[in-house]
């Protein structure tokens, strides 16, 4: 297989091949992974910049979210026929756009209900197989886009950005998924059959955890509330129950990453600041390690935040918000596990 063919493989598959290769084959695989990551980063920068230029800085976040959906659309379907899948894509992106307009005019508890209903609908429509990663992609996009609400003249720009995202993601989705699951109806996949379905319980846990984390952030009136949602999402994405270890890795990574960002900026000349986030993005694409990914994520998040709040306040905010988001996720997961075990024990007692 040539270099271009290797670059079409997933990062996980490339890393697996690297671990079993040696000599020139190993070097070729490593270069394929590095070039793939660099090309993807360059494409992301251009793609997101186009949204910012066309629709303004506030709608560049639509570019970020839709870029993730675009990449996912190449490989992951919703597991039903293409016409229904395209409709589900339109519904999902529409909810992200409309809710980003509604958030500023609703109370925090109304926003909580809105997030619960909307996010559950999106996850139910798009994430029939959690291991394929759509749960993280669509939750991230929803939290990001609704986390930067718009008002006034920006509403039109936001809706136009959502419309462009629908077209681009829809074209990629249709091109790659149109031959799959042609005889599977949407009702067969999204219909709720029983709480004994582990995927349904996972979806509920994810949606409630993320929505609760955002609610807590809004009640505390902290900046960058979406960071709480991202932290909760990150902890709750795996279907297993080994959440405390994941929480420790996330919090440790955030603390170290935030401190590293502050130290690097303190010794980096101002004219080179713009390179910090892209270099971290390159590292993020190369690492398969959750702890290291949590470190690299801080660079992208803080690159914008420190210009708004100052370096030290942004670092403390990053750590604080993640800590609260992680705590909310663990609380929701623990409560959900308790209620489910109680329900099962009650059923056993009745029998």
Protein backbone atom coordinates (compact mmCIF):
# COMPACT_ATOMS: atom_id res chain seq x y z
CA UNK A 1 0.00 0.00 0.00
CA UNK A 2 1.31 3.44 -0.96
CA UNK A 3 1.68 6.45 1.32
CA UNK A 4 -1.62 7.98 0.19
CA UNK A 5 -3.42 4.71 0.81
CA UNK A 6 -1.94 4.48 4.30
CA UNK A 7 -3.10 8.03 5.03
CA UNK A 8 -6.69 6.94 4.37
CA UNK A 9 -6.53 4.50 7.28
CA UNK A 10 -7.80 5.50 10.71
CA UNK A 11 -5.22 6.71 13.27
CA UNK A 12 -6.03 3.72 15.47
CA UNK A 13 -5.35 1.25 12.66
CA UNK A 14 -2.12 3.04 11.72
CA UNK A 15 -0.90 2.91 15.32
CA UNK A 16 -1.73 -0.80 15.47
CA UNK A 17 0.26 -1.42 12.30
CA UNK A 18 3.18 0.65 13.66
CA UNK A 19 3.28 -1.46 16.83
CA UNK A 20 3.68 -4.65 14.75
CA UNK A 21 6.08 -3.28 12.11
CA UNK A 22 9.83 -2.74 12.10
CA UNK A 23 12.55 -1.29 9.89
CA UNK A 24 11.52 0.69 6.82
CA UNK A 25 7.88 -0.39 7.09
CA UNK A 26 7.66 1.10 10.56
CA UNK A 27 9.21 4.40 9.39
CA UNK A 28 6.80 4.56 6.44
CA UNK A 29 3.81 4.00 8.73
CA UNK A 30 5.01 6.66 11.19
CA UNK A 31 5.43 9.17 8.36
CA UNK A 32 1.96 8.30 7.07
CA UNK A 33 0.50 9.03 10.52
CA UNK A 34 2.40 12.32 10.87
CA UNK A 35 1.56 13.56 7.36
CA UNK A 36 -2.07 12.50 7.79
CA UNK A 37 -2.31 14.43 11.05
CA UNK A 38 -0.63 17.50 9.57
CA UNK A 39 -2.86 17.50 6.49
CA UNK A 40 -5.96 17.10 8.64
CA UNK A 41 -4.88 19.98 10.88
CA UNK A 42 -4.24 22.21 7.85
CA UNK A 43 -7.65 21.34 6.39
CA UNK A 44 -9.31 22.07 9.74
CA UNK A 45 -7.66 25.51 9.94
CA UNK A 46 -8.79 26.42 6.40
CA UNK A 47 -12.29 25.00 6.90
CA UNK A 48 -12.91 26.84 10.17
CA UNK A 49 -11.34 30.05 8.85
CA UNK A 50 -13.80 30.01 5.94
CA UNK A 51 -16.73 29.93 8.38
CA UNK A 52 -15.20 32.79 10.35
CA UNK A 53 -14.64 34.90 7.22
CA UNK A 54 -18.08 34.19 5.77
CA UNK A 55 -20.21 34.42 8.91
CA UNK A 56 -18.14 36.18 11.57
CA UNK A 57 -16.09 34.97 14.57
CA UNK A 58 -19.15 33.89 16.59
CA UNK A 59 -20.11 31.39 13.89
CA UNK A 60 -16.61 29.99 13.50
CA UNK A 61 -17.73 27.58 16.23
CA UNK A 62 -20.22 26.14 13.76
CA UNK A 63 -17.17 25.47 11.60
CA UNK A 64 -15.47 23.61 14.45
CA UNK A 65 -18.52 21.50 15.28
CA UNK A 66 -19.44 20.74 11.68
CA UNK A 67 -15.83 19.84 10.88
CA UNK A 68 -16.03 17.04 13.46
CA UNK A 69 -19.35 15.89 11.99
CA UNK A 70 -17.87 16.07 8.48
CA UNK A 71 -15.03 13.73 9.42
CA UNK A 72 -17.37 11.35 11.21
CA UNK A 73 -19.71 11.29 8.20
CA UNK A 74 -16.98 9.71 6.07
CA UNK A 75 -16.87 6.54 8.14
CA UNK A 76 -19.86 6.28 10.48
CA UNK A 77 -23.52 5.98 9.51
CA UNK A 78 -26.61 6.25 11.71
CA UNK A 79 -27.45 2.61 10.88
CA UNK A 80 -30.61 3.25 8.79
CA UNK A 81 -31.49 4.30 5.23
CA UNK A 82 -29.79 7.33 3.70
CA UNK A 83 -32.91 9.50 3.25
CA UNK A 84 -33.78 9.22 6.94
CA UNK A 85 -30.12 9.72 7.86
CA UNK A 86 -29.95 12.99 5.94
CA UNK A 87 -33.17 14.13 7.61
CA UNK A 88 -31.68 13.24 11.01
CA UNK A 89 -28.56 15.25 10.15
CA UNK A 90 -30.71 18.26 9.26
CA UNK A 91 -32.70 17.92 12.50
CA UNK A 92 -29.52 17.63 14.59
CA UNK A 93 -27.82 20.68 13.08
CA UNK A 94 -31.09 22.65 13.18
CA UNK A 95 -31.42 22.03 16.91
CA UNK A 96 -27.85 23.22 17.45
CA UNK A 97 -28.54 26.43 15.53
CA UNK A 98 -32.00 27.18 16.93
CA UNK A 99 -31.00 26.44 20.52
CA UNK A 100 -28.02 28.79 20.26
CA UNK A 101 -30.59 31.53 19.63
CA UNK A 102 -32.99 30.40 22.38
CA UNK A 103 -30.41 30.05 25.18
CA UNK A 104 -30.02 33.81 25.88
CA UNK A 105 -33.78 34.34 26.32
CA UNK A 106 -34.55 31.34 28.54
CA UNK A 107 -34.05 30.77 32.26
CA UNK A 108 -31.35 28.34 33.35
CA UNK A 109 -33.92 25.65 34.16
CA UNK A 110 -35.65 26.13 30.82
CA UNK A 111 -32.26 25.74 29.16
CA UNK A 112 -31.71 22.56 31.19
CA UNK A 113 -34.96 21.05 29.87
CA UNK A 114 -34.15 22.23 26.35
CA UNK A 115 -30.73 20.57 26.53
CA UNK A 116 -32.17 17.33 27.90
CA UNK A 117 -34.76 17.00 25.15
CA UNK A 118 -32.62 18.23 22.26
CA UNK A 119 -29.46 16.35 23.15
CA UNK A 120 -31.34 13.10 23.75
CA UNK A 121 -33.06 13.41 20.37
CA UNK A 122 -29.73 14.08 18.64
CA UNK A 123 -27.95 11.20 20.36
CA UNK A 124 -30.86 8.83 19.74
CA UNK A 125 -30.86 9.72 16.04
CA UNK A 126 -27.11 9.55 15.48
CA UNK A 127 -25.57 7.10 17.94
CA UNK A 128 -26.94 3.60 17.53
CA UNK A 129 -23.44 2.18 18.03
CA UNK A 130 -21.56 4.16 20.70
CA UNK A 131 -18.20 2.51 20.00
CA UNK A 132 -18.06 4.25 16.61
CA UNK A 133 -17.73 7.63 18.35
CA UNK A 134 -20.77 9.60 17.19
CA UNK A 135 -21.83 10.19 20.79
CA UNK A 136 -18.76 12.31 21.42
CA UNK A 137 -18.87 14.04 18.03
CA UNK A 138 -22.48 15.21 18.24
CA UNK A 139 -22.44 16.00 21.95
CA UNK A 140 -19.29 18.08 21.50
CA UNK A 141 -20.79 19.93 18.54
CA UNK A 142 -24.06 20.60 20.37
CA UNK A 143 -22.38 21.89 23.54
CA UNK A 144 -19.93 24.02 21.55
CA UNK A 145 -22.45 25.67 19.23
CA UNK A 146 -25.11 26.29 21.89
CA UNK A 147 -22.37 27.35 24.31
CA UNK A 148 -21.67 30.39 22.12
CA UNK A 149 -25.19 31.86 21.79
CA UNK A 150 -26.00 34.65 19.36
CA UNK A 151 -28.34 37.64 19.36
CA UNK A 152 -29.33 40.45 17.01
CA UNK A 153 -27.73 40.51 13.57
CA UNK A 154 -25.56 37.50 14.45
CA UNK A 155 -28.65 35.25 14.35
CA UNK A 156 -28.81 35.45 10.56
CA UNK A 157 -25.11 34.69 10.27
CA UNK A 158 -25.46 31.70 12.61
CA UNK A 159 -28.37 30.25 10.62
CA UNK A 160 -26.48 30.74 7.36
CA UNK A 161 -23.48 28.94 8.86
CA UNK A 162 -25.73 26.07 9.96
CA UNK A 163 -27.19 25.91 6.45
CA UNK A 164 -23.73 25.64 4.89
CA UNK A 165 -22.80 22.96 7.44
CA UNK A 166 -25.91 20.99 6.44
CA UNK A 167 -24.93 21.11 2.77
CA UNK A 168 -21.28 20.16 3.28
CA UNK A 169 -21.90 17.41 5.85
CA UNK A 170 -24.90 16.14 3.88
CA UNK A 171 -22.86 15.78 0.68
CA UNK A 172 -20.09 13.89 2.46
CA UNK A 173 -22.63 11.74 4.29
CA UNK A 174 -24.52 10.89 1.09
CA UNK A 175 -21.32 10.10 -0.83
CA UNK A 176 -20.00 7.70 1.80
CA UNK A 177 -23.13 6.17 3.37
CA UNK A 178 -25.78 5.97 0.63
CA UNK A 179 -25.27 2.26 -0.07
CA UNK A 180 -25.41 1.16 3.57
CA UNK A 181 -28.46 -0.04 5.53
CA UNK A 182 -30.77 0.57 2.56
CA UNK A 183 -33.50 -1.67 3.95
CA UNK A 184 -33.33 -0.50 7.57
CA UNK A 185 -36.05 1.91 8.68
CA UNK A 186 -35.32 4.68 11.15
CA UNK A 187 -38.03 3.38 13.50
CA UNK A 188 -36.18 0.07 13.87
CA UNK A 189 -33.15 1.90 15.26
CA UNK A 190 -34.50 4.80 17.32
CA UNK A 191 -37.61 3.19 18.81
CA UNK A 192 -37.30 2.81 22.58
CA UNK A 193 -38.04 -0.80 23.45
CA UNK A 194 -36.85 -1.35 27.00
CA UNK A 195 -34.75 0.16 29.76
CA UNK A 196 -32.86 -3.13 29.70
CA UNK A 197 -31.17 -1.85 26.55
CA UNK A 198 -27.64 -0.85 27.71
CA UNK A 199 -27.25 1.62 24.83
CA UNK A 200 -30.41 3.47 25.89
CA UNK A 201 -29.20 3.66 29.50
CA UNK A 202 -25.82 4.94 28.32
CA UNK A 203 -27.50 7.57 26.16
CA UNK A 204 -29.62 8.75 29.09
CA UNK A 205 -26.57 8.86 31.38
CA UNK A 206 -24.60 10.92 28.86
CA UNK A 207 -27.42 13.39 28.17
CA UNK A 208 -28.38 13.89 31.82
CA UNK A 209 -24.74 14.21 32.90
CA UNK A 210 -23.84 16.82 30.30
CA UNK A 211 -27.06 18.79 30.81
CA UNK A 212 -26.61 18.74 34.59
CA UNK A 213 -23.01 19.94 34.32
CA UNK A 214 -24.09 22.87 32.13
CA UNK A 215 -26.93 23.68 34.56
CA UNK A 216 -24.50 23.80 37.49
CA UNK A 217 -22.20 26.09 35.53
CA UNK A 218 -25.06 28.46 34.73
CA UNK A 219 -26.24 28.47 38.35
CA UNK A 220 -22.70 29.31 39.46
CA UNK A 221 -22.61 32.00 36.75
CA UNK A 222 -19.13 31.01 35.60
CA UNK A 223 -17.62 31.88 32.24
CA UNK A 224 -17.04 29.14 29.67
CA UNK A 225 -19.90 26.98 30.96
CA UNK A 226 -19.41 24.69 27.97
CA UNK A 227 -16.16 23.47 29.56
CA UNK A 228 -18.25 21.79 32.26
CA UNK A 229 -20.28 20.07 29.55
CA UNK A 230 -17.15 18.88 27.74
CA UNK A 231 -15.68 17.53 30.97
CA UNK A 232 -18.85 15.60 31.82
CA UNK A 233 -19.08 14.28 28.26
CA UNK A 234 -15.48 13.10 28.33
CA UNK A 235 -16.03 11.13 31.53
CA UNK A 236 -19.34 9.58 30.47
CA UNK A 237 -18.52 8.55 26.89
CA UNK A 238 -17.24 5.03 27.67
CA UNK A 239 -19.96 2.46 28.27
CA UNK A 240 -18.02 0.83 31.09
CA UNK A 241 -18.24 1.88 34.73
CA UNK A 242 -14.52 2.59 35.26
CA UNK A 243 -15.27 6.29 35.51
CA UNK A 244 -13.22 7.23 38.57
CA UNK A 245 -9.95 6.30 36.86
CA UNK A 246 -10.98 8.27 33.78
CA UNK A 247 -11.96 11.22 35.99
CA UNK A 248 -8.53 11.18 37.67
CA UNK A 249 -6.78 11.13 34.29
CA UNK A 250 -8.93 13.97 32.99
CA UNK A 251 -8.45 16.21 36.02
CA UNK A 252 -4.73 15.48 36.21
CA UNK A 253 -4.35 16.21 32.50
CA UNK A 254 -6.26 19.48 32.81
CA UNK A 255 -4.17 20.67 35.75
CA UNK A 256 -0.86 19.79 34.09
CA UNK A 257 -1.96 21.07 30.68
CA UNK A 258 -3.18 24.38 32.08
CA UNK A 259 0.03 24.95 34.05
CA UNK A 260 2.14 23.99 31.02
CA UNK A 261 0.20 26.45 28.86
CA UNK A 262 0.87 29.25 31.35
CA UNK A 263 4.58 28.39 31.56
CA UNK A 264 5.01 28.15 27.79
CA UNK A 265 3.26 31.46 27.19
CA UNK A 266 5.39 33.14 29.84
CA UNK A 267 8.59 32.28 27.94
CA UNK A 268 7.30 32.44 24.35
CA UNK A 269 7.71 35.69 22.38
CA UNK A 270 4.34 37.27 21.61
CA UNK A 271 4.88 36.99 17.85
CA UNK A 272 5.01 33.18 18.17
CA UNK A 273 1.88 32.77 20.33
CA UNK A 274 -0.18 31.83 17.28
CA UNK A 275 1.83 28.61 16.86
CA UNK A 276 1.03 27.19 20.31
CA UNK A 277 -2.49 25.91 19.55
CA UNK A 278 -1.66 24.33 16.13
CA UNK A 279 1.38 22.53 17.55
CA UNK A 280 -0.77 21.21 20.40
CA UNK A 281 -3.39 20.18 17.83
CA UNK A 282 -0.75 18.19 15.98
CA UNK A 283 0.21 16.46 19.22
CA UNK A 284 -3.44 15.78 20.02
CA UNK A 285 -3.91 14.01 16.71
CA UNK A 286 -0.86 11.82 17.26
CA UNK A 287 -1.52 10.64 20.80
CA UNK A 288 -3.80 7.68 21.58
CA UNK A 289 -3.44 8.37 25.30
CA UNK A 290 -6.44 9.90 27.13
CA UNK A 291 -4.25 11.59 29.75
CA UNK A 292 -2.05 13.21 27.09
CA UNK A 293 -5.11 14.21 25.08
CA UNK A 294 -6.47 15.98 28.17
CA UNK A 295 -3.20 17.93 28.38
CA UNK A 296 -3.16 18.92 24.70
CA UNK A 297 -6.84 19.93 24.79
CA UNK A 298 -5.99 22.67 27.29
CA UNK A 299 -3.82 24.49 24.76
CA UNK A 300 -6.64 24.91 22.27
CA UNK A 301 -9.17 25.86 24.94
CA UNK A 302 -6.90 28.37 26.68
CA UNK A 303 -5.55 29.96 23.50
CA UNK A 304 -8.80 31.89 23.14
CA UNK A 305 -9.78 32.10 26.81
CA UNK A 306 -6.59 33.82 28.01
CA UNK A 307 -7.20 36.70 25.58
CA UNK A 308 -10.63 37.24 27.16
CA UNK A 309 -9.94 36.72 30.86
CA UNK A 310 -6.18 37.02 31.27
CA UNK A 311 -3.72 34.15 31.60
CA UNK A 312 -3.96 33.26 35.30
CA UNK A 313 -7.77 33.69 35.57
CA UNK A 314 -8.20 31.54 32.44
CA UNK A 315 -6.01 28.79 33.91
CA UNK A 316 -7.95 28.76 37.19
CA UNK A 317 -11.25 28.82 35.27
CA UNK A 318 -10.16 25.87 33.15
CA UNK A 319 -9.27 23.78 36.20
CA UNK A 320 -12.32 24.83 38.22
CA UNK A 321 -14.84 24.22 35.44
CA UNK A 322 -13.39 20.82 34.63
CA UNK A 323 -13.41 19.84 38.29
CA UNK A 324 -17.09 20.74 38.65
CA UNK A 325 -17.99 19.06 35.35
CA UNK A 326 -16.20 15.87 36.36
CA UNK A 327 -17.92 15.87 39.77
CA UNK A 328 -21.32 16.33 38.09
CA UNK A 329 -20.62 13.42 35.73
CA UNK A 330 -19.62 11.10 38.56
CA UNK A 331 -22.67 12.14 40.59
CA UNK A 332 -25.07 11.46 37.72
CA UNK A 333 -23.40 8.16 36.88
CA UNK A 334 -23.47 7.03 40.50
CA UNK A 335 -27.10 8.04 40.95
CA UNK A 336 -28.08 6.32 37.72
CA UNK A 337 -26.30 3.12 38.73
CA UNK A 338 -28.01 3.20 42.15
CA UNK A 339 -31.47 3.69 40.63
CA UNK A 340 -30.96 0.93 38.07
CA UNK A 341 -29.73 -1.55 40.69
CA UNK A 342 -32.67 -0.61 42.93
CA UNK A 343 -35.05 -1.17 40.01
CA UNK A 344 -33.55 -4.58 39.26
CA UNK A 345 -33.70 -5.62 42.92
CA UNK A 346 -37.35 -4.57 43.09
CA UNK A 347 -38.16 -6.67 40.03
CA UNK A 348 -36.32 -9.65 41.51
CA UNK A 349 -38.23 -9.30 44.79
CA UNK A 350 -41.56 -9.27 42.93
CA UNK A 351 -40.68 -12.53 41.23
